[in-house]
């Protein structure tokens, strides 16, 4: 039975224009229709929305209302795609982002000749980095660390659904009491990677509601007067955790990329490299421990 509710692609994305630029509004609606309803843009433009059963049309309307409240489309769907795999996402974790995929590809290429690499992902969140490396690096032993028990629950569920073997550790890298107690043995890792909090609190006013209202602030923000807080802590710990020749990888705030590279140099790392993402922003760094 066809739905009495009528939708058009143009009507749907126009409902989101108060929140997003037109191009982003269209992209959000396409993601919802493709991932949630199996409808390509060609399907939609050729009348695919006219044939939704009543219950699916009602579900679509409810989801659109959630999007109008600035809820991220990935949370509306309950999942996000990352490196070709499906990850559950909740308000307890950051939504996986394309630039983080680029970081994973960089690590996978660098470690492609390393047999059974030992990897630590600090601030794992959804587990997208940890699971990707566990599955893409042959024989990898991956430890996923987070301060949030709720985030580790999401990472655990994602690892189970994807068949990724992870060691999950709840610990706070900013706490001297817990920093080394349960995390990693000295000189045990070939790779330490992190996408840490890096947005200054003063930048909140310029951020979209879909991030501010629906993603964990603990995973986003750092004090205005210490934007490198987590980079300094993680890089200091990684000097103990990495084997000689091991590598540290970070996702960066482009505004502090040069300062991060300088910090790594001051902490005694070699071969410090900054890389740009597909949009041309300095979003990644790597450094080697002698």
C-alpha atoms as a PDB file:
ATOM      1  CA  UNK A   1       0.000   0.000   0.000  1.00  0.00           C
ATOM      2  CA  UNK A   2       1.421   3.374  -1.013  1.00  0.00           C
ATOM      3  CA  UNK A   3       1.866   6.144   1.493  1.00  0.00           C
ATOM      4  CA  UNK A   4      -0.461   9.139   1.503  1.00  0.00           C
ATOM      5  CA  UNK A   5       2.547  11.247   2.558  1.00  0.00           C
ATOM      6  CA  UNK A   6       4.240  12.925  -0.385  1.00  0.00           C
ATOM      7  CA  UNK A   7       7.946  13.711  -0.478  1.00  0.00           C
ATOM      8  CA  UNK A   8      10.254  15.184  -3.047  1.00  0.00           C
ATOM      9  CA  UNK A   9      14.019  15.367  -2.899  1.00  0.00           C
ATOM     10  CA  UNK A  10      13.911  19.147  -3.209  1.00  0.00           C
ATOM     11  CA  UNK A  11      11.394  19.492  -0.385  1.00  0.00           C
ATOM     12  CA  UNK A  12      13.460  17.273   1.877  1.00  0.00           C
ATOM     13  CA  UNK A  13      16.775  19.056   1.505  1.00  0.00           C
ATOM     14  CA  UNK A  14      15.144  22.483   1.644  1.00  0.00           C
ATOM     15  CA  UNK A  15      13.893  21.570   5.139  1.00  0.00           C
ATOM     16  CA  UNK A  16      17.534  21.461   6.285  1.00  0.00           C
ATOM     17  CA  UNK A  17      18.717  24.702   4.687  1.00  0.00           C
ATOM     18  CA  UNK A  18      18.240  26.684   7.924  1.00  0.00           C
ATOM     19  CA  UNK A  19      20.906  24.416   9.440  1.00  0.00           C
ATOM     20  CA  UNK A  20      23.245  23.733   6.514  1.00  0.00           C
ATOM     21  CA  UNK A  21      24.448  25.250   3.280  1.00  0.00           C
ATOM     22  CA  UNK A  22      22.455  23.922   0.313  1.00  0.00           C
ATOM     23  CA  UNK A  23      25.179  21.522  -0.837  1.00  0.00           C
ATOM     24  CA  UNK A  24      25.575  20.006   2.613  1.00  0.00           C
ATOM     25  CA  UNK A  25      21.791  19.770   3.061  1.00  0.00           C
ATOM     26  CA  UNK A  26      21.557  17.804  -0.181  1.00  0.00           C
ATOM     27  CA  UNK A  27      24.409  15.527   0.921  1.00  0.00           C
ATOM     28  CA  UNK A  28      22.733  14.812   4.275  1.00  0.00           C
ATOM     29  CA  UNK A  29      19.454  13.868   2.591  1.00  0.00           C
ATOM     30  CA  UNK A  30      21.239  11.697   0.011  1.00  0.00           C
ATOM     31  CA  UNK A  31      23.022   9.844   2.827  1.00  0.00           C
ATOM     32  CA  UNK A  32      19.728   9.254   4.622  1.00  0.00           C
ATOM     33  CA  UNK A  33      17.969   7.996   1.501  1.00  0.00           C
ATOM     34  CA  UNK A  34      20.856   5.871   0.240  1.00  0.00           C
ATOM     35  CA  UNK A  35      21.965   4.264   3.508  1.00  0.00           C
ATOM     36  CA  UNK A  36      18.556   4.144   5.150  1.00  0.00           C
ATOM     37  CA  UNK A  37      16.288   3.307   2.218  1.00  0.00           C
ATOM     38  CA  UNK A  38      18.546   1.958  -0.535  1.00  0.00           C
ATOM     39  CA  UNK A  39      17.550   4.767  -2.895  1.00  0.00           C
ATOM     40  CA  UNK A  40      20.143   6.295  -5.187  1.00  0.00           C
ATOM     41  CA  UNK A  41      19.817   9.880  -6.348  1.00  0.00           C
ATOM     42  CA  UNK A  42      18.657   8.540  -9.724  1.00  0.00           C
ATOM     43  CA  UNK A  43      15.964   6.495  -7.951  1.00  0.00           C
ATOM     44  CA  UNK A  44      14.815   9.537  -6.020  1.00  0.00           C
ATOM     45  CA  UNK A  45      14.718  11.848  -9.034  1.00  0.00           C
ATOM     46  CA  UNK A  46      12.748   9.283 -11.023  1.00  0.00           C
ATOM     47  CA  UNK A  47       9.984   9.069  -8.409  1.00  0.00           C
ATOM     48  CA  UNK A  48      11.317   6.495  -5.946  1.00  0.00           C
ATOM     49  CA  UNK A  49       9.935   8.430  -2.991  1.00  0.00           C
ATOM     50  CA  UNK A  50       6.423   8.119  -4.407  1.00  0.00           C
ATOM     51  CA  UNK A  51       6.394   4.370  -3.817  1.00  0.00           C
ATOM     52  CA  UNK A  52       7.429   4.145  -0.183  1.00  0.00           C
ATOM     53  CA  UNK A  53       5.077   1.993   1.906  1.00  0.00           C
ATOM     54  CA  UNK A  54       3.187   3.932   4.571  1.00  0.00           C
ATOM     55  CA  UNK A  55       5.325   2.677   7.461  1.00  0.00           C
ATOM     56  CA  UNK A  56       8.565   3.606   5.692  1.00  0.00           C
ATOM     57  CA  UNK A  57       7.229   7.039   4.776  1.00  0.00           C
ATOM     58  CA  UNK A  58       6.290   7.592   8.416  1.00  0.00           C
ATOM     59  CA  UNK A  59       9.781   6.529   9.484  1.00  0.00           C
ATOM     60  CA  UNK A  60      11.326   8.904   6.951  1.00  0.00           C
ATOM     61  CA  UNK A  61       9.254  11.791   8.293  1.00  0.00           C
ATOM     62  CA  UNK A  62      10.384  11.024  11.851  1.00  0.00           C
ATOM     63  CA  UNK A  63      14.003  10.905  10.729  1.00  0.00           C
ATOM     64  CA  UNK A  64      13.658  14.209   8.892  1.00  0.00           C
ATOM     65  CA  UNK A  65      12.307  15.780  12.067  1.00  0.00           C
ATOM     66  CA  UNK A  66      15.385  14.552  13.930  1.00  0.00           C
ATOM     67  CA  UNK A  67      17.614  16.035  11.221  1.00  0.00           C
ATOM     68  CA  UNK A  68      15.755  19.336  11.560  1.00  0.00           C
ATOM     69  CA  UNK A  69      16.796  19.339  15.223  1.00  0.00           C
ATOM     70  CA  UNK A  70      20.428  19.177  13.991  1.00  0.00           C
ATOM     71  CA  UNK A  71      20.985  15.533  14.907  1.00  0.00           C
ATOM     72  CA  UNK A  72      23.777  14.104  12.726  1.00  0.00           C
ATOM     73  CA  UNK A  73      22.515  11.857   9.954  1.00  0.00           C
ATOM     74  CA  UNK A  74      24.805   9.051  11.162  1.00  0.00           C
ATOM     75  CA  UNK A  75      23.140   9.069  14.577  1.00  0.00           C
ATOM     76  CA  UNK A  76      19.711   9.180  12.958  1.00  0.00           C
ATOM     77  CA  UNK A  77      20.687   6.080  10.981  1.00  0.00           C
ATOM     78  CA  UNK A  78      22.577   4.557  13.912  1.00  0.00           C
ATOM     79  CA  UNK A  79      25.701   3.885  11.876  1.00  0.00           C
ATOM     80  CA  UNK A  80      28.459   5.426   9.787  1.00  0.00           C
ATOM     81  CA  UNK A  81      30.711   4.033   7.071  1.00  0.00           C
ATOM     82  CA  UNK A  82      34.458   4.156   7.622  1.00  0.00           C
ATOM     83  CA  UNK A  83      37.063   2.591   5.321  1.00  0.00           C
ATOM     84  CA  UNK A  84      34.309   0.516   3.718  1.00  0.00           C
ATOM     85  CA  UNK A  85      32.987  -0.889   6.992  1.00  0.00           C
ATOM     86  CA  UNK A  86      29.859  -0.109   8.967  1.00  0.00           C
ATOM     87  CA  UNK A  87      30.257   1.246  12.510  1.00  0.00           C
ATOM     88  CA  UNK A  88      27.557   1.814  15.095  1.00  0.00           C
ATOM     89  CA  UNK A  89      27.605   5.377  16.420  1.00  0.00           C
ATOM     90  CA  UNK A  90      25.920   6.983  19.430  1.00  0.00           C
ATOM     91  CA  UNK A  91      26.161  10.272  21.303  1.00  0.00           C
ATOM     92  CA  UNK A  92      28.958   8.709  23.337  1.00  0.00           C
ATOM     93  CA  UNK A  93      31.447   8.806  20.439  1.00  0.00           C
ATOM     94  CA  UNK A  94      32.570  11.106  17.668  1.00  0.00           C
ATOM     95  CA  UNK A  95      31.159  10.340  14.239  1.00  0.00           C
ATOM     96  CA  UNK A  96      33.949   8.815  12.093  1.00  0.00           C
ATOM     97  CA  UNK A  97      35.179  11.312   9.510  1.00  0.00           C
ATOM     98  CA  UNK A  98      36.839  11.032   6.076  1.00  0.00           C
ATOM     99  CA  UNK A  99      40.101  12.697   7.136  1.00  0.00           C
ATOM    100  CA  UNK A 100      40.573   9.966   9.735  1.00  0.00           C
ATOM    101  CA  UNK A 101      40.317   7.406   6.941  1.00  0.00           C
ATOM    102  CA  UNK A 102      43.294   9.131   5.310  1.00  0.00           C
ATOM    103  CA  UNK A 103      45.268   8.764   8.529  1.00  0.00           C
ATOM    104  CA  UNK A 104      44.493   5.034   8.626  1.00  0.00           C
ATOM    105  CA  UNK A 105      45.602   4.617   5.016  1.00  0.00           C
ATOM    106  CA  UNK A 106      48.894   6.361   5.796  1.00  0.00           C
ATOM    107  CA  UNK A 107      49.564   4.021   8.715  1.00  0.00           C
ATOM    108  CA  UNK A 108      48.558   0.921   6.740  1.00  0.00           C
ATOM    109  CA  UNK A 109      50.965   1.853   3.951  1.00  0.00           C
ATOM    110  CA  UNK A 110      53.836   2.558   6.349  1.00  0.00           C
ATOM    111  CA  UNK A 111      53.249  -0.713   8.225  1.00  0.00           C
ATOM    112  CA  UNK A 112      52.536  -2.913   5.205  1.00  0.00           C
ATOM    113  CA  UNK A 113      55.929  -4.638   5.486  1.00  0.00           C
ATOM    114  CA  UNK A 114      55.948  -4.907   9.281  1.00  0.00           C
ATOM    115  CA  UNK A 115      54.998  -8.436  10.400  1.00  0.00           C
ATOM    116  CA  UNK A 116      52.489  -8.567  13.261  1.00  0.00           C
ATOM    117  CA  UNK A 117      52.674  -4.902  14.251  1.00  0.00           C
ATOM    118  CA  UNK A 118      51.756  -3.874  17.795  1.00  0.00           C
ATOM    119  CA  UNK A 119      49.462  -0.844  17.714  1.00  0.00           C
ATOM    120  CA  UNK A 120      47.901   1.420  20.339  1.00  0.00           C
ATOM    121  CA  UNK A 121      44.972   3.729  19.539  1.00  0.00           C
ATOM    122  CA  UNK A 122      44.643   6.392  22.237  1.00  0.00           C
ATOM    123  CA  UNK A 123      41.155   7.889  22.539  1.00  0.00           C
ATOM    124  CA  UNK A 124      39.549   5.177  20.457  1.00  0.00           C
ATOM    125  CA  UNK A 125      35.927   6.387  20.604  1.00  0.00           C
ATOM    126  CA  UNK A 126      33.898   4.257  18.201  1.00  0.00           C
ATOM    127  CA  UNK A 127      36.961   2.088  17.590  1.00  0.00           C
ATOM    128  CA  UNK A 128      37.112   3.031  13.914  1.00  0.00           C
ATOM    129  CA  UNK A 129      40.901   3.497  13.850  1.00  0.00           C
ATOM    130  CA  UNK A 130      41.618   0.473  16.043  1.00  0.00           C
ATOM    131  CA  UNK A 131      39.311  -1.862  14.117  1.00  0.00           C
ATOM    132  CA  UNK A 132      40.579  -0.659  10.738  1.00  0.00           C
ATOM    133  CA  UNK A 133      44.195  -1.312  11.658  1.00  0.00           C
ATOM    134  CA  UNK A 134      43.375  -4.638  13.345  1.00  0.00           C
ATOM    135  CA  UNK A 135      41.674  -5.804  10.162  1.00  0.00           C
ATOM    136  CA  UNK A 136      43.987  -4.242   7.565  1.00  0.00           C
ATOM    137  CA  UNK A 137      47.388  -5.027   9.099  1.00  0.00           C
ATOM    138  CA  UNK A 138      48.246  -8.723   8.993  1.00  0.00           C
ATOM    139  CA  UNK A 139      48.704 -10.185  12.454  1.00  0.00           C
ATOM    140  CA  UNK A 140      48.266  -6.845  14.194  1.00  0.00           C
ATOM    141  CA  UNK A 141      47.841  -6.736  17.969  1.00  0.00           C
ATOM    142  CA  UNK A 142      45.818  -3.606  18.739  1.00  0.00           C
ATOM    143  CA  UNK A 143      45.080  -1.961  22.077  1.00  0.00           C
ATOM    144  CA  UNK A 144      42.232   0.563  22.115  1.00  0.00           C
ATOM    145  CA  UNK A 145      42.342   3.070  24.991  1.00  0.00           C
ATOM    146  CA  UNK A 146      39.673   5.527  26.113  1.00  0.00           C
ATOM    147  CA  UNK A 147      38.758   7.416  29.266  1.00  0.00           C
ATOM    148  CA  UNK A 148      35.039   6.813  28.601  1.00  0.00           C
ATOM    149  CA  UNK A 149      33.504   3.482  29.559  1.00  0.00           C
ATOM    150  CA  UNK A 150      30.529   4.284  27.307  1.00  0.00           C
ATOM    151  CA  UNK A 151      32.796   4.877  24.318  1.00  0.00           C
ATOM    152  CA  UNK A 152      34.614   1.612  24.993  1.00  0.00           C
ATOM    153  CA  UNK A 153      31.228  -0.125  24.962  1.00  0.00           C
ATOM    154  CA  UNK A 154      30.600   1.208  21.449  1.00  0.00           C
ATOM    155  CA  UNK A 155      34.101   0.193  20.355  1.00  0.00           C
ATOM    156  CA  UNK A 156      33.604  -3.288  21.811  1.00  0.00           C
ATOM    157  CA  UNK A 157      30.339  -3.740  19.919  1.00  0.00           C
ATOM    158  CA  UNK A 158      31.911  -2.547  16.670  1.00  0.00           C
ATOM    159  CA  UNK A 159      34.894  -4.837  17.082  1.00  0.00           C
ATOM    160  CA  UNK A 160      32.582  -7.801  17.698  1.00  0.00           C
ATOM    161  CA  UNK A 161      30.405  -7.054  14.662  1.00  0.00           C
ATOM    162  CA  UNK A 162      33.425  -6.622  12.383  1.00  0.00           C
ATOM    163  CA  UNK A 163      35.454  -9.523  13.733  1.00  0.00           C
ATOM    164  CA  UNK A 164      38.307  -7.276  14.874  1.00  0.00           C
ATOM    165  CA  UNK A 165      40.360  -8.462  17.830  1.00  0.00           C
ATOM    166  CA  UNK A 166      41.059  -5.585  20.209  1.00  0.00           C
ATOM    167  CA  UNK A 167      42.370  -5.226  23.729  1.00  0.00           C
ATOM    168  CA  UNK A 168      40.216  -2.529  25.332  1.00  0.00           C
ATOM    169  CA  UNK A 169      41.585  -0.414  28.186  1.00  0.00           C
ATOM    170  CA  UNK A 170      39.821   2.293  30.198  1.00  0.00           C
ATOM    171  CA  UNK A 171      42.416   4.871  31.204  1.00  0.00           C
ATOM    172  CA  UNK A 172      43.063   8.601  31.303  1.00  0.00           C
ATOM    173  CA  UNK A 173      46.260   9.745  29.586  1.00  0.00           C
ATOM    174  CA  UNK A 174      46.123  13.005  31.535  1.00  0.00           C
ATOM    175  CA  UNK A 175      46.175  11.229  34.894  1.00  0.00           C
ATOM    176  CA  UNK A 176      49.654  10.324  36.155  1.00  0.00           C
ATOM    177  CA  UNK A 177      48.079   7.690  38.395  1.00  0.00           C
ATOM    178  CA  UNK A 178      46.592   5.706  35.541  1.00  0.00           C
ATOM    179  CA  UNK A 179      48.841   6.636  32.646  1.00  0.00           C
ATOM    180  CA  UNK A 180      51.043   3.549  32.742  1.00  0.00           C
ATOM    181  CA  UNK A 181      49.248   1.280  35.203  1.00  0.00           C
ATOM    182  CA  UNK A 182      47.120  -0.695  32.757  1.00  0.00           C
ATOM    183  CA  UNK A 183      47.839   0.628  29.305  1.00  0.00           C
ATOM    184  CA  UNK A 184      50.994  -0.538  27.554  1.00  0.00           C
ATOM    185  CA  UNK A 185      54.297  -2.193  28.338  1.00  0.00           C
ATOM    186  CA  UNK A 186      57.461  -0.144  27.784  1.00  0.00           C
ATOM    187  CA  UNK A 187      58.945  -0.373  24.276  1.00  0.00           C
ATOM    188  CA  UNK A 188      56.119  -2.642  23.112  1.00  0.00           C
ATOM    189  CA  UNK A 189      54.546  -0.729  20.217  1.00  0.00           C
ATOM    190  CA  UNK A 190      55.406  -0.265  16.575  1.00  0.00           C
ATOM    191  CA  UNK A 191      52.647   2.357  16.278  1.00  0.00           C
ATOM    192  CA  UNK A 192      50.876   4.751  18.612  1.00  0.00           C
ATOM    193  CA  UNK A 193      48.040   6.666  16.966  1.00  0.00           C
ATOM    194  CA  UNK A 194      45.554   9.203  18.272  1.00  0.00           C
ATOM    195  CA  UNK A 195      42.818  11.530  17.121  1.00  0.00           C
ATOM    196  CA  UNK A 196      42.699  13.464  20.408  1.00  0.00           C
ATOM    197  CA  UNK A 197      40.539  16.387  21.509  1.00  0.00           C
ATOM    198  CA  UNK A 198      41.888  19.479  19.741  1.00  0.00           C
ATOM    199  CA  UNK A 199      39.179  22.147  19.453  1.00  0.00           C
ATOM    200  CA  UNK A 200      39.717  25.164  21.708  1.00  0.00           C
ATOM    201  CA  UNK A 201      36.744  26.036  23.882  1.00  0.00           C
ATOM    202  CA  UNK A 202      36.721  29.488  22.328  1.00  0.00           C
ATOM    203  CA  UNK A 203      35.918  27.959  18.926  1.00  0.00           C
ATOM    204  CA  UNK A 204      32.533  26.636  20.068  1.00  0.00           C
ATOM    205  CA  UNK A 205      30.606  29.657  18.846  1.00  0.00           C
ATOM    206  CA  UNK A 206      31.556  28.884  15.244  1.00  0.00           C
ATOM    207  CA  UNK A 207      30.571  25.201  15.408  1.00  0.00           C
ATOM    208  CA  UNK A 208      27.394  23.600  14.080  1.00  0.00           C
ATOM    209  CA  UNK A 209      24.724  22.328  16.434  1.00  0.00           C
ATOM    210  CA  UNK A 210      25.042  18.833  14.965  1.00  0.00           C
ATOM    211  CA  UNK A 211      28.449  18.635  16.656  1.00  0.00           C
ATOM    212  CA  UNK A 212      27.849  20.735  19.776  1.00  0.00           C
ATOM    213  CA  UNK A 213      24.542  19.133  20.760  1.00  0.00           C
ATOM    214  CA  UNK A 214      25.172  15.529  19.776  1.00  0.00           C
ATOM    215  CA  UNK A 215      28.872  14.657  20.115  1.00  0.00           C
ATOM    216  CA  UNK A 216      30.765  14.183  23.405  1.00  0.00           C
ATOM    217  CA  UNK A 217      32.478  17.393  24.501  1.00  0.00           C
ATOM    218  CA  UNK A 218      35.069  15.342  26.350  1.00  0.00           C
ATOM    219  CA  UNK A 219      36.310  14.080  22.979  1.00  0.00           C
ATOM    220  CA  UNK A 220      36.233  17.497  21.311  1.00  0.00           C
ATOM    221  CA  UNK A 221      37.507  20.318  23.470  1.00  0.00           C
ATOM    222  CA  UNK A 222      40.721  21.518  25.071  1.00  0.00           C
ATOM    223  CA  UNK A 223      41.415  24.664  27.123  1.00  0.00           C
ATOM    224  CA  UNK A 224      41.999  27.837  25.120  1.00  0.00           C
ATOM    225  CA  UNK A 225      45.349  28.339  26.839  1.00  0.00           C
ATOM    226  CA  UNK A 226      46.654  24.808  26.148  1.00  0.00           C
ATOM    227  CA  UNK A 227      45.483  23.516  22.746  1.00  0.00           C
ATOM    228  CA  UNK A 228      48.275  20.909  22.649  1.00  0.00           C
ATOM    229  CA  UNK A 229      47.361  19.403  26.022  1.00  0.00           C
ATOM    230  CA  UNK A 230      46.594  15.912  24.710  1.00  0.00           C
ATOM    231  CA  UNK A 231      49.325  15.908  22.062  1.00  0.00           C
ATOM    232  CA  UNK A 232      51.926  16.648  24.727  1.00  0.00           C
ATOM    233  CA  UNK A 233      50.634  13.956  27.088  1.00  0.00           C
ATOM    234  CA  UNK A 234      50.284  11.254  24.432  1.00  0.00           C
ATOM    235  CA  UNK A 235      53.614  12.028  22.769  1.00  0.00           C
ATOM    236  CA  UNK A 236      55.333  11.907  26.179  1.00  0.00           C
ATOM    237  CA  UNK A 237      53.788   8.527  27.019  1.00  0.00           C
ATOM    238  CA  UNK A 238      54.548   7.223  23.533  1.00  0.00           C
ATOM    239  CA  UNK A 239      58.258   7.770  24.103  1.00  0.00           C
ATOM    240  CA  UNK A 240      58.022   4.947  26.665  1.00  0.00           C
ATOM    241  CA  UNK A 241      55.567   2.796  24.722  1.00  0.00           C
ATOM    242  CA  UNK A 242      57.238   2.827  21.309  1.00  0.00           C
ATOM    243  CA  UNK A 243      60.007   0.507  20.261  1.00  0.00           C
ATOM    244  CA  UNK A 244      63.121   2.076  18.747  1.00  0.00           C
ATOM    245  CA  UNK A 245      62.099   3.061  15.234  1.00  0.00           C
ATOM    246  CA  UNK A 246      58.410   3.018  16.156  1.00  0.00           C
ATOM    247  CA  UNK A 247      56.116   5.738  14.852  1.00  0.00           C
ATOM    248  CA  UNK A 248      53.618   8.120  16.415  1.00  0.00           C
ATOM    249  CA  UNK A 249      50.671   9.350  14.306  1.00  0.00           C
ATOM    250  CA  UNK A 250      48.238  12.151  15.079  1.00  0.00           C
ATOM    251  CA  UNK A 251      45.192  13.715  13.536  1.00  0.00           C
ATOM    252  CA  UNK A 252      45.590  17.473  13.856  1.00  0.00           C
ATOM    253  CA  UNK A 253      43.819  20.741  14.262  1.00  0.00           C
ATOM    254  CA  UNK A 254      45.119  22.569  11.155  1.00  0.00           C
ATOM    255  CA  UNK A 255      45.465  25.766  13.186  1.00  0.00           C
ATOM    256  CA  UNK A 256      48.058  24.098  15.402  1.00  0.00           C
ATOM    257  CA  UNK A 257      49.815  21.819  12.907  1.00  0.00           C
ATOM    258  CA  UNK A 258      53.110  23.700  12.940  1.00  0.00           C
ATOM    259  CA  UNK A 259      53.065  23.975  16.739  1.00  0.00           C
ATOM    260  CA  UNK A 260      52.410  20.226  17.002  1.00  0.00           C
ATOM    261  CA  UNK A 261      55.352  19.460  14.725  1.00  0.00           C
ATOM    262  CA  UNK A 262      57.543  21.734  16.867  1.00  0.00           C
ATOM    263  CA  UNK A 263      56.357  19.949  20.024  1.00  0.00           C
ATOM    264  CA  UNK A 264      57.280  16.548  18.593  1.00  0.00           C
ATOM    265  CA  UNK A 265      60.716  17.838  17.674  1.00  0.00           C
ATOM    266  CA  UNK A 266      61.199  19.268  21.181  1.00  0.00           C
ATOM    267  CA  UNK A 267      60.213  15.921  22.712  1.00  0.00           C
ATOM    268  CA  UNK A 268      63.025  14.227  20.793  1.00  0.00           C
ATOM    269  CA  UNK A 269      61.178  12.636  17.892  1.00  0.00           C
ATOM    270  CA  UNK A 270      62.808  12.394  14.479  1.00  0.00           C
ATOM    271  CA  UNK A 271      61.503  12.404  10.931  1.00  0.00           C
ATOM    272  CA  UNK A 272      58.538  14.646  11.839  1.00  0.00           C
ATOM    273  CA  UNK A 273      56.168  14.944   8.878  1.00  0.00           C
ATOM    274  CA  UNK A 274      52.960  16.903   8.356  1.00  0.00           C
ATOM    275  CA  UNK A 275      50.467  15.845   5.705  1.00  0.00           C
ATOM    276  CA  UNK A 276      47.476  17.539   4.151  1.00  0.00           C
ATOM    277  CA  UNK A 277      44.073  15.934   3.750  1.00  0.00           C
ATOM    278  CA  UNK A 278      42.063  15.758   0.536  1.00  0.00           C
ATOM    279  CA  UNK A 279      40.853  19.321   1.151  1.00  0.00           C
ATOM    280  CA  UNK A 280      44.396  20.658   1.414  1.00  0.00           C
ATOM    281  CA  UNK A 281      44.411  21.197   5.189  1.00  0.00           C
ATOM    282  CA  UNK A 282      47.311  20.074   7.377  1.00  0.00           C
ATOM    283  CA  UNK A 283      45.436  17.366   9.270  1.00  0.00           C
ATOM    284  CA  UNK A 284      47.970  14.617   9.998  1.00  0.00           C
ATOM    285  CA  UNK A 285      51.397  14.220  11.552  1.00  0.00           C
ATOM    286  CA  UNK A 286      53.859  11.392  11.981  1.00  0.00           C
ATOM    287  CA  UNK A 287      57.132  11.150  13.885  1.00  0.00           C
ATOM    288  CA  UNK A 288      59.678   8.414  14.550  1.00  0.00           C
ATOM    289  CA  UNK A 289      61.333   7.428  17.824  1.00  0.00           C
ATOM    290  CA  UNK A 290      65.045   6.765  17.392  1.00  0.00           C
END
